[in-house]
Amino acid sequence: MNVSPLVSVLVQVLGGAAIGLVVATVGVVGPTRLRAGFGTLRDRLRESSPYLGLLVFVLLVNKVARDIGPDVSWALGWNVTGLIYALEGDFVHHVQSLRTPELTAVLSTVYLSGYVFLLTFPFVAYLFSDDRHPFELTAVAYAVNYAIGLTCYLLFISYGPRNLLPGQVESLLYSTYPQTQILTGEVNLNTNVFPSLHTSLSVTAAIVAISTYRTYPVWAFVAPIIAATVAFATMYLGIHWASDVVFGVLLGVVSVALGEWVIERRTTHA
């Protein structure tokens, strides 16, 4: 049976994330907590459905907006690529001076499968936690990330360093694993790099993980490491500028704060 290149890449990326999910679910959540939580899963999901619904809604809007986004961006004409380059120059080029085949392989894997694992495992872990707040906060904070990120992508045209500086910055992910461009082309455009949503969502996951250190101490330690690696990988692979990463970190922090505010408002007025 012939498998399309997109399906093949998806299987590899999601397969790596799935392995991480299984290992983390057994090792971090643990069989005891899993058995105790299965009986109340339906109730927990029902109680958290407004927050999950918000995330699904934002993701659907994001999917639709991707089709009209380039037209809006070019109509506004706010191209910030030159400004970003003026601010940081060849920083990404210097980051890539560290490259080795082994490091490229590791960071490519983290950027793809590690990122998916980092974003999805919290929903599994927090669903089986006695405290619903981290689960709901994750859903709302992710939604805020996408909403603000989409707004920035509509407002600003920004090409990544691999596009602006092809002679100095190599697209390491695509040159090493060219098939991955099929997948990334499905979810993003090369004019949408400011800010780095890979960074902002990873930082969001790390912040919430740290707040649950009493329940999941291992996850509170591991999540920030993965998040930092993802942020570094976006520059090392030539996808994002350092400025994208810095603003991504800020967006992650702001998204968690706004998520807390939304949940508090809804709880107060419930």
C-alpha atoms as a PDB file:
ATOM      1  CA  MET A   1       0.000   0.000   0.000  1.00  0.00           C
ATOM      2  CA  ASN A   2       1.339   3.421  -0.972  1.00  0.00           C
ATOM      3  CA  VAL A   3       1.445   5.923   1.868  1.00  0.00           C
ATOM      4  CA  SER A   4       1.459   9.638   1.119  1.00  0.00           C
ATOM      5  CA  PRO A   5       4.533  11.605   2.269  1.00  0.00           C
ATOM      6  CA  LEU A   6       2.367  13.683   4.618  1.00  0.00           C
ATOM      7  CA  VAL A   7       0.960  10.598   6.328  1.00  0.00           C
ATOM      8  CA  SER A   8       4.430   9.114   6.589  1.00  0.00           C
ATOM      9  CA  VAL A   9       5.800  12.209   8.340  1.00  0.00           C
ATOM     10  CA  LEU A  10       2.755  12.420  10.610  1.00  0.00           C
ATOM     11  CA  VAL A  11       3.211   8.811  11.664  1.00  0.00           C
ATOM     12  CA  GLN A  12       6.849   9.462  12.552  1.00  0.00           C
ATOM     13  CA  VAL A  13       6.163  12.679  14.474  1.00  0.00           C
ATOM     14  CA  LEU A  14       3.057  11.449  16.281  1.00  0.00           C
ATOM     15  CA  GLY A  15       4.643   8.047  16.859  1.00  0.00           C
ATOM     16  CA  GLY A  16       7.539   9.629  18.723  1.00  0.00           C
ATOM     17  CA  ALA A  17       5.144  11.763  20.760  1.00  0.00           C
ATOM     18  CA  ALA A  18       2.943   8.749  21.486  1.00  0.00           C
ATOM     19  CA  ILE A  19       5.879   6.796  22.881  1.00  0.00           C
ATOM     20  CA  GLY A  20       6.648   9.721  25.172  1.00  0.00           C
ATOM     21  CA  LEU A  21       3.000   9.904  26.250  1.00  0.00           C
ATOM     22  CA  VAL A  22       2.867   6.226  27.157  1.00  0.00           C
ATOM     23  CA  VAL A  23       6.123   6.332  29.107  1.00  0.00           C
ATOM     24  CA  ALA A  24       5.197   9.554  30.922  1.00  0.00           C
ATOM     25  CA  THR A  25       1.659   8.388  31.686  1.00  0.00           C
ATOM     26  CA  VAL A  26       2.915   5.207  33.302  1.00  0.00           C
ATOM     27  CA  GLY A  27       5.973   6.753  34.945  1.00  0.00           C
ATOM     28  CA  VAL A  28       4.689  10.175  35.973  1.00  0.00           C
ATOM     29  CA  VAL A  29       0.940   9.761  36.440  1.00  0.00           C
ATOM     30  CA  GLY A  30       1.297   6.187  37.642  1.00  0.00           C
ATOM     31  CA  PRO A  31      -1.034   3.165  37.645  1.00  0.00           C
ATOM     32  CA  THR A  32      -2.556   4.015  41.029  1.00  0.00           C
ATOM     33  CA  ARG A  33      -3.677   7.495  39.987  1.00  0.00           C
ATOM     34  CA  LEU A  34      -4.882   6.194  36.618  1.00  0.00           C
ATOM     35  CA  ARG A  35      -7.064   3.503  38.215  1.00  0.00           C
ATOM     36  CA  ALA A  36      -8.488   5.960  40.744  1.00  0.00           C
ATOM     37  CA  GLY A  37      -9.314   8.549  38.105  1.00  0.00           C
ATOM     38  CA  PHE A  38     -10.983   6.430  35.450  1.00  0.00           C
ATOM     39  CA  GLY A  39     -14.315   6.366  37.257  1.00  0.00           C
ATOM     40  CA  THR A  40     -14.655  10.150  37.280  1.00  0.00           C
ATOM     41  CA  LEU A  41     -13.279  10.952  33.821  1.00  0.00           C
ATOM     42  CA  ARG A  42     -16.668  11.788  32.344  1.00  0.00           C
ATOM     43  CA  ASP A  43     -17.511  14.177  35.169  1.00  0.00           C
ATOM     44  CA  ARG A  44     -14.139  15.882  34.958  1.00  0.00           C
ATOM     45  CA  LEU A  45     -14.421  16.379  31.216  1.00  0.00           C
ATOM     46  CA  ARG A  46     -17.954  17.717  31.552  1.00  0.00           C
ATOM     47  CA  GLU A  47     -16.929  20.227  34.208  1.00  0.00           C
ATOM     48  CA  SER A  48     -13.975  21.400  32.118  1.00  0.00           C
ATOM     49  CA  SER A  49     -15.870  21.419  28.796  1.00  0.00           C
ATOM     50  CA  PRO A  50     -16.276  25.237  28.602  1.00  0.00           C
ATOM     51  CA  TYR A  51     -12.494  25.661  28.666  1.00  0.00           C
ATOM     52  CA  LEU A  52     -11.881  22.845  26.206  1.00  0.00           C
ATOM     53  CA  GLY A  53     -14.598  24.324  24.007  1.00  0.00           C
ATOM     54  CA  LEU A  54     -12.808  27.667  24.005  1.00  0.00           C
ATOM     55  CA  LEU A  55      -9.575  26.012  22.876  1.00  0.00           C
ATOM     56  CA  VAL A  56     -11.324  24.056  20.108  1.00  0.00           C
ATOM     57  CA  PHE A  57     -13.075  27.225  18.924  1.00  0.00           C
ATOM     58  CA  VAL A  58      -9.820  29.183  18.743  1.00  0.00           C
ATOM     59  CA  LEU A  59      -8.127  26.335  16.868  1.00  0.00           C
ATOM     60  CA  LEU A  60     -10.956  26.250  14.329  1.00  0.00           C
ATOM     61  CA  VAL A  61     -10.750  30.019  13.849  1.00  0.00           C
ATOM     62  CA  ASN A  62      -6.995  29.703  13.450  1.00  0.00           C
ATOM     63  CA  LYS A  63      -7.464  27.079  10.725  1.00  0.00           C
ATOM     64  CA  VAL A  64      -9.915  29.246   8.800  1.00  0.00           C
ATOM     65  CA  ALA A  65      -7.867  32.415   9.273  1.00  0.00           C
ATOM     66  CA  ARG A  66      -4.785  30.768   7.777  1.00  0.00           C
ATOM     67  CA  ASP A  67      -6.480  30.894   4.382  1.00  0.00           C
ATOM     68  CA  ILE A  68      -7.092  34.634   4.496  1.00  0.00           C
ATOM     69  CA  GLY A  69      -4.119  35.566   6.653  1.00  0.00           C
ATOM     70  CA  PRO A  70      -1.598  36.249   3.870  1.00  0.00           C
ATOM     71  CA  ASP A  71      -4.009  38.566   2.051  1.00  0.00           C
ATOM     72  CA  VAL A  72      -4.629  40.562   5.228  1.00  0.00           C
ATOM     73  CA  SER A  73      -0.931  40.739   6.068  1.00  0.00           C
ATOM     74  CA  TRP A  74       0.105  41.930   2.623  1.00  0.00           C
ATOM     75  CA  ALA A  75      -2.780  44.418   2.524  1.00  0.00           C
ATOM     76  CA  LEU A  76      -1.497  45.984   5.747  1.00  0.00           C
ATOM     77  CA  GLY A  77       2.086  45.704   4.557  1.00  0.00           C
ATOM     78  CA  TRP A  78       3.726  45.739   7.982  1.00  0.00           C
ATOM     79  CA  ASN A  79       6.877  43.791   7.190  1.00  0.00           C
ATOM     80  CA  VAL A  80       8.970  43.653  10.373  1.00  0.00           C
ATOM     81  CA  THR A  81      11.662  41.311   9.033  1.00  0.00           C
ATOM     82  CA  GLY A  82      14.136  44.120   8.422  1.00  0.00           C
ATOM     83  CA  LEU A  83      13.532  45.579  11.873  1.00  0.00           C
ATOM     84  CA  ILE A  84      14.183  42.225  13.530  1.00  0.00           C
ATOM     85  CA  TYR A  85      17.390  41.757  11.553  1.00  0.00           C
ATOM     86  CA  ALA A  86      18.509  45.282  12.455  1.00  0.00           C
ATOM     87  CA  LEU A  87      18.005  44.465  16.134  1.00  0.00           C
ATOM     88  CA  GLU A  88      19.869  41.158  16.301  1.00  0.00           C
ATOM     89  CA  GLY A  89      21.885  40.796  13.121  1.00  0.00           C
ATOM     90  CA  ASP A  90      23.590  37.434  12.625  1.00  0.00           C
ATOM     91  CA  PHE A  91      22.788  35.941  16.032  1.00  0.00           C
ATOM     92  CA  VAL A  92      21.090  32.859  14.552  1.00  0.00           C
ATOM     93  CA  HIS A  93      24.084  32.339  12.266  1.00  0.00           C
ATOM     94  CA  HIS A  94      26.286  32.162  15.360  1.00  0.00           C
ATOM     95  CA  VAL A  95      23.883  29.719  17.015  1.00  0.00           C
ATOM     96  CA  GLN A  96      24.215  27.474  13.975  1.00  0.00           C
ATOM     97  CA  SER A  97      27.992  27.485  14.342  1.00  0.00           C
ATOM     98  CA  LEU A  98      27.406  24.868  17.059  1.00  0.00           C
ATOM     99  CA  ARG A  99      25.883  22.427  14.601  1.00  0.00           C
ATOM    100  CA  THR A 100      26.816  18.797  14.373  1.00  0.00           C
ATOM    101  CA  PRO A 101      24.858  15.973  12.712  1.00  0.00           C
ATOM    102  CA  GLU A 102      24.055  14.501  16.121  1.00  0.00           C
ATOM    103  CA  LEU A 103      22.811  17.802  17.573  1.00  0.00           C
ATOM    104  CA  THR A 104      20.719  18.450  14.473  1.00  0.00           C
ATOM    105  CA  ALA A 105      19.085  15.042  14.802  1.00  0.00           C
ATOM    106  CA  VAL A 106      18.311  15.547  18.497  1.00  0.00           C
ATOM    107  CA  LEU A 107      16.942  19.077  18.125  1.00  0.00           C
ATOM    108  CA  SER A 108      14.881  18.156  15.071  1.00  0.00           C
ATOM    109  CA  THR A 109      13.271  15.357  17.075  1.00  0.00           C
ATOM    110  CA  VAL A 110      12.579  17.660  20.012  1.00  0.00           C
ATOM    111  CA  TYR A 111      11.205  20.370  17.714  1.00  0.00           C
ATOM    112  CA  LEU A 112       8.750  17.915  16.145  1.00  0.00           C
ATOM    113  CA  SER A 113       7.867  15.004  18.430  1.00  0.00           C
ATOM    114  CA  GLY A 114       9.079  16.519  21.703  1.00  0.00           C
ATOM    115  CA  TYR A 115       6.969  19.614  21.147  1.00  0.00           C
ATOM    116  CA  VAL A 116       3.813  17.580  20.476  1.00  0.00           C
ATOM    117  CA  PHE A 117       4.488  15.515  23.590  1.00  0.00           C
ATOM    118  CA  LEU A 118       5.086  18.614  25.716  1.00  0.00           C
ATOM    119  CA  LEU A 119       1.768  20.139  24.667  1.00  0.00           C
ATOM    120  CA  THR A 120      -0.385  17.020  24.920  1.00  0.00           C
ATOM    121  CA  PHE A 121       0.872  15.259  28.035  1.00  0.00           C
ATOM    122  CA  PRO A 122      -0.477  17.963  30.399  1.00  0.00           C
ATOM    123  CA  PHE A 123      -4.037  17.108  29.342  1.00  0.00           C
ATOM    124  CA  VAL A 124      -3.442  13.479  30.311  1.00  0.00           C
ATOM    125  CA  ALA A 125      -1.626  14.261  33.552  1.00  0.00           C
ATOM    126  CA  TYR A 126      -3.962  16.966  34.803  1.00  0.00           C
ATOM    127  CA  LEU A 127      -7.082  15.024  33.847  1.00  0.00           C
ATOM    128  CA  PHE A 128      -6.086  12.460  36.467  1.00  0.00           C
ATOM    129  CA  SER A 129      -5.152  15.065  39.063  1.00  0.00           C
ATOM    130  CA  ASP A 130      -7.439  15.801  41.996  1.00  0.00           C
ATOM    131  CA  ASP A 131      -7.171  19.496  41.129  1.00  0.00           C
ATOM    132  CA  ARG A 132      -8.972  20.469  37.898  1.00  0.00           C
ATOM    133  CA  HIS A 133      -7.370  23.901  37.779  1.00  0.00           C
ATOM    134  CA  PRO A 134      -4.154  22.954  35.894  1.00  0.00           C
ATOM    135  CA  PHE A 135      -6.203  21.144  33.224  1.00  0.00           C
ATOM    136  CA  GLU A 136      -8.483  24.129  32.707  1.00  0.00           C
ATOM    137  CA  LEU A 137      -5.622  26.620  32.861  1.00  0.00           C
ATOM    138  CA  THR A 138      -3.724  24.706  30.190  1.00  0.00           C
ATOM    139  CA  ALA A 139      -6.720  24.770  27.839  1.00  0.00           C
ATOM    140  CA  VAL A 140      -7.395  28.493  28.305  1.00  0.00           C
ATOM    141  CA  ALA A 141      -3.722  29.511  28.155  1.00  0.00           C
ATOM    142  CA  TYR A 142      -3.225  27.557  24.925  1.00  0.00           C
ATOM    143  CA  ALA A 143      -6.273  29.307  23.480  1.00  0.00           C
ATOM    144  CA  VAL A 144      -4.861  32.713  24.440  1.00  0.00           C
ATOM    145  CA  ASN A 145      -1.524  31.788  22.852  1.00  0.00           C
ATOM    146  CA  TYR A 146      -3.170  30.938  19.562  1.00  0.00           C
ATOM    147  CA  ALA A 147      -5.469  33.964  19.628  1.00  0.00           C
ATOM    148  CA  ILE A 148      -2.675  36.471  20.212  1.00  0.00           C
ATOM    149  CA  GLY A 149      -0.288  34.620  17.914  1.00  0.00           C
ATOM    150  CA  LEU A 150      -2.846  34.573  15.107  1.00  0.00           C
ATOM    151  CA  THR A 151      -3.425  38.298  15.561  1.00  0.00           C
ATOM    152  CA  CYS A 152       0.303  38.956  15.234  1.00  0.00           C
ATOM    153  CA  TYR A 153       0.499  36.743  12.140  1.00  0.00           C
ATOM    154  CA  LEU A 154      -2.337  38.712  10.555  1.00  0.00           C
ATOM    155  CA  LEU A 155      -0.800  42.073  11.434  1.00  0.00           C
ATOM    156  CA  PHE A 156       2.857  41.439  10.651  1.00  0.00           C
ATOM    157  CA  ILE A 157       4.817  39.976   7.786  1.00  0.00           C
ATOM    158  CA  SER A 158       7.946  38.354   9.123  1.00  0.00           C
ATOM    159  CA  TYR A 159      10.277  35.987   7.307  1.00  0.00           C
ATOM    160  CA  GLY A 160      12.506  33.657   9.287  1.00  0.00           C
ATOM    161  CA  PRO A 161      16.311  33.826   9.167  1.00  0.00           C
ATOM    162  CA  ARG A 162      16.492  30.879   6.750  1.00  0.00           C
ATOM    163  CA  ASN A 163      14.431  32.924   4.266  1.00  0.00           C
ATOM    164  CA  LEU A 164      16.172  36.276   4.701  1.00  0.00           C
ATOM    165  CA  LEU A 165      19.735  34.964   5.002  1.00  0.00           C
ATOM    166  CA  PRO A 166      19.919  31.805   2.873  1.00  0.00           C
ATOM    167  CA  GLY A 167      23.670  32.177   2.448  1.00  0.00           C
ATOM    168  CA  GLN A 168      24.352  32.540   6.174  1.00  0.00           C
ATOM    169  CA  VAL A 169      21.581  30.591   7.880  1.00  0.00           C
ATOM    170  CA  GLU A 170      20.807  27.076   6.739  1.00  0.00           C
ATOM    171  CA  SER A 171      17.379  25.518   7.046  1.00  0.00           C
ATOM    172  CA  LEU A 172      18.790  22.584   8.987  1.00  0.00           C
ATOM    173  CA  LEU A 173      15.480  20.859   9.595  1.00  0.00           C
ATOM    174  CA  TYR A 174      14.493  20.846   5.945  1.00  0.00           C
ATOM    175  CA  SER A 175      17.943  20.201   4.511  1.00  0.00           C
ATOM    176  CA  THR A 176      18.445  17.234   6.829  1.00  0.00           C
ATOM    177  CA  TYR A 177      14.865  15.956   6.780  1.00  0.00           C
ATOM    178  CA  PRO A 178      13.268  17.468   3.648  1.00  0.00           C
ATOM    179  CA  GLN A 179      10.073  15.466   4.091  1.00  0.00           C
ATOM    180  CA  THR A 180       9.226  17.471   7.226  1.00  0.00           C
ATOM    181  CA  GLN A 181       8.525  20.537   5.091  1.00  0.00           C
ATOM    182  CA  ILE A 182       5.362  18.806   3.889  1.00  0.00           C
ATOM    183  CA  LEU A 183       4.046  18.762   7.452  1.00  0.00           C
ATOM    184  CA  THR A 184       5.129  22.242   8.517  1.00  0.00           C
ATOM    185  CA  GLY A 185       3.714  23.669   5.296  1.00  0.00           C
ATOM    186  CA  GLU A 186       0.318  22.337   6.338  1.00  0.00           C
ATOM    187  CA  VAL A 187       0.278  24.185   9.659  1.00  0.00           C
ATOM    188  CA  ASN A 188       2.152  27.419   9.029  1.00  0.00           C
ATOM    189  CA  LEU A 189       3.454  29.893   6.457  1.00  0.00           C
ATOM    190  CA  ASN A 190       7.001  31.185   6.075  1.00  0.00           C
ATOM    191  CA  THR A 191       5.777  34.738   6.752  1.00  0.00           C
ATOM    192  CA  ASN A 192       4.433  33.744  10.182  1.00  0.00           C
ATOM    193  CA  VAL A 193       7.397  33.603  12.541  1.00  0.00           C
ATOM    194  CA  PHE A 194       6.756  36.506  14.926  1.00  0.00           C
ATOM    195  CA  PRO A 195       6.315  35.513  17.693  1.00  0.00           C
ATOM    196  CA  SER A 196       7.378  31.874  17.992  1.00  0.00           C
ATOM    197  CA  LEU A 197       4.318  29.860  18.997  1.00  0.00           C
ATOM    198  CA  HIS A 198       6.558  26.841  19.494  1.00  0.00           C
ATOM    199  CA  THR A 199       8.251  28.863  22.210  1.00  0.00           C
ATOM    200  CA  SER A 200       5.160  30.462  23.732  1.00  0.00           C
ATOM    201  CA  LEU A 201       3.167  27.240  23.996  1.00  0.00           C
ATOM    202  CA  SER A 202       6.187  25.384  25.378  1.00  0.00           C
ATOM    203  CA  VAL A 203       6.735  28.088  27.999  1.00  0.00           C
ATOM    204  CA  THR A 204       3.048  27.932  28.898  1.00  0.00           C
ATOM    205  CA  ALA A 205       3.264  24.168  29.420  1.00  0.00           C
ATOM    206  CA  ALA A 206       6.412  24.608  31.523  1.00  0.00           C
ATOM    207  CA  ILE A 207       4.895  27.297  33.763  1.00  0.00           C
ATOM    208  CA  VAL A 208       1.802  25.227  34.484  1.00  0.00           C
ATOM    209  CA  ALA A 209       3.995  22.162  35.078  1.00  0.00           C
ATOM    210  CA  ILE A 210       6.052  24.036  37.666  1.00  0.00           C
ATOM    211  CA  SER A 211       2.849  25.029  39.462  1.00  0.00           C
ATOM    212  CA  THR A 212       1.978  21.317  39.844  1.00  0.00           C
ATOM    213  CA  TYR A 213       5.309  20.253  41.315  1.00  0.00           C
ATOM    214  CA  ARG A 214       3.677  18.853  44.462  1.00  0.00           C
ATOM    215  CA  THR A 215       1.566  16.478  42.377  1.00  0.00           C
ATOM    216  CA  TYR A 216       4.013  15.772  39.548  1.00  0.00           C
ATOM    217  CA  PRO A 217       7.541  16.711  40.693  1.00  0.00           C
ATOM    218  CA  VAL A 218       9.213  14.846  37.829  1.00  0.00           C
ATOM    219  CA  TRP A 219       7.085  16.644  35.242  1.00  0.00           C
ATOM    220  CA  ALA A 220       7.786  19.992  36.909  1.00  0.00           C
ATOM    221  CA  PHE A 221      11.489  19.280  36.372  1.00  0.00           C
ATOM    222  CA  VAL A 222      11.309  17.789  32.861  1.00  0.00           C
ATOM    223  CA  ALA A 223       8.837  20.188  31.207  1.00  0.00           C
ATOM    224  CA  PRO A 224      11.018  23.328  31.526  1.00  0.00           C
ATOM    225  CA  ILE A 225      13.981  21.423  30.077  1.00  0.00           C
ATOM    226  CA  ILE A 226      11.962  20.350  27.044  1.00  0.00           C
ATOM    227  CA  ALA A 227      10.545  23.866  26.671  1.00  0.00           C
ATOM    228  CA  ALA A 228      13.995  25.455  26.736  1.00  0.00           C
ATOM    229  CA  THR A 229      15.263  22.900  24.222  1.00  0.00           C
ATOM    230  CA  VAL A 230      12.344  23.595  21.880  1.00  0.00           C
ATOM    231  CA  ALA A 231      13.014  27.346  22.065  1.00  0.00           C
ATOM    232  CA  PHE A 232      16.698  26.832  21.301  1.00  0.00           C
ATOM    233  CA  ALA A 233      15.872  24.405  18.492  1.00  0.00           C
ATOM    234  CA  THR A 234      13.734  26.985  16.701  1.00  0.00           C
ATOM    235  CA  MET A 235      16.844  29.169  16.302  1.00  0.00           C
ATOM    236  CA  TYR A 236      19.352  26.385  15.755  1.00  0.00           C
ATOM    237  CA  LEU A 237      17.240  24.948  12.929  1.00  0.00           C
ATOM    238  CA  GLY A 238      17.014  28.377  11.281  1.00  0.00           C
ATOM    239  CA  ILE A 239      13.263  28.723  11.718  1.00  0.00           C
ATOM    240  CA  HIS A 240      12.998  31.628  14.174  1.00  0.00           C
ATOM    241  CA  TRP A 241      14.921  34.727  15.153  1.00  0.00           C
ATOM    242  CA  ALA A 242      15.998  35.293  18.741  1.00  0.00           C
ATOM    243  CA  SER A 243      13.431  38.121  18.831  1.00  0.00           C
ATOM    244  CA  ASP A 244      10.683  35.632  17.968  1.00  0.00           C
ATOM    245  CA  VAL A 245      11.798  33.477  20.874  1.00  0.00           C
ATOM    246  CA  VAL A 246      11.971  36.379  23.341  1.00  0.00           C
ATOM    247  CA  PHE A 247       8.484  37.539  22.429  1.00  0.00           C
ATOM    248  CA  GLY A 248       7.356  33.915  22.501  1.00  0.00           C
ATOM    249  CA  VAL A 249       8.521  33.643  26.114  1.00  0.00           C
ATOM    250  CA  LEU A 250       6.637  36.843  26.965  1.00  0.00           C
ATOM    251  CA  LEU A 251       3.530  35.555  25.208  1.00  0.00           C
ATOM    252  CA  GLY A 252       3.703  32.321  27.190  1.00  0.00           C
ATOM    253  CA  VAL A 253       3.896  34.204  30.478  1.00  0.00           C
ATOM    254  CA  VAL A 254       1.075  36.578  29.490  1.00  0.00           C
ATOM    255  CA  SER A 255      -1.098  33.688  28.295  1.00  0.00           C
ATOM    256  CA  VAL A 256      -0.860  31.926  31.652  1.00  0.00           C
ATOM    257  CA  ALA A 257      -1.687  35.166  33.477  1.00  0.00           C
ATOM    258  CA  LEU A 258      -4.691  35.818  31.230  1.00  0.00           C
ATOM    259  CA  GLY A 259      -5.750  32.203  31.599  1.00  0.00           C
ATOM    260  CA  GLU A 260      -5.748  32.573  35.379  1.00  0.00           C
ATOM    261  CA  TRP A 261      -7.805  35.747  35.033  1.00  0.00           C
ATOM    262  CA  VAL A 262     -10.403  34.122  32.763  1.00  0.00           C
ATOM    263  CA  ILE A 263     -10.851  31.147  35.068  1.00  0.00           C
ATOM    264  CA  GLU A 264     -11.068  33.344  38.152  1.00  0.00           C
ATOM    265  CA  ARG A 265     -13.683  35.574  36.495  1.00  0.00           C
ATOM    266  CA  ARG A 266     -15.780  32.613  35.442  1.00  0.00           C
ATOM    267  CA  THR A 267     -15.493  30.970  38.871  1.00  0.00           C
ATOM    268  CA  THR A 268     -16.449  34.191  40.619  1.00  0.00           C
ATOM    269  CA  HIS A 269     -19.530  34.718  38.433  1.00  0.00           C
ATOM    270  CA  ALA A 270     -20.589  31.083  38.343  1.00  0.00           C
END
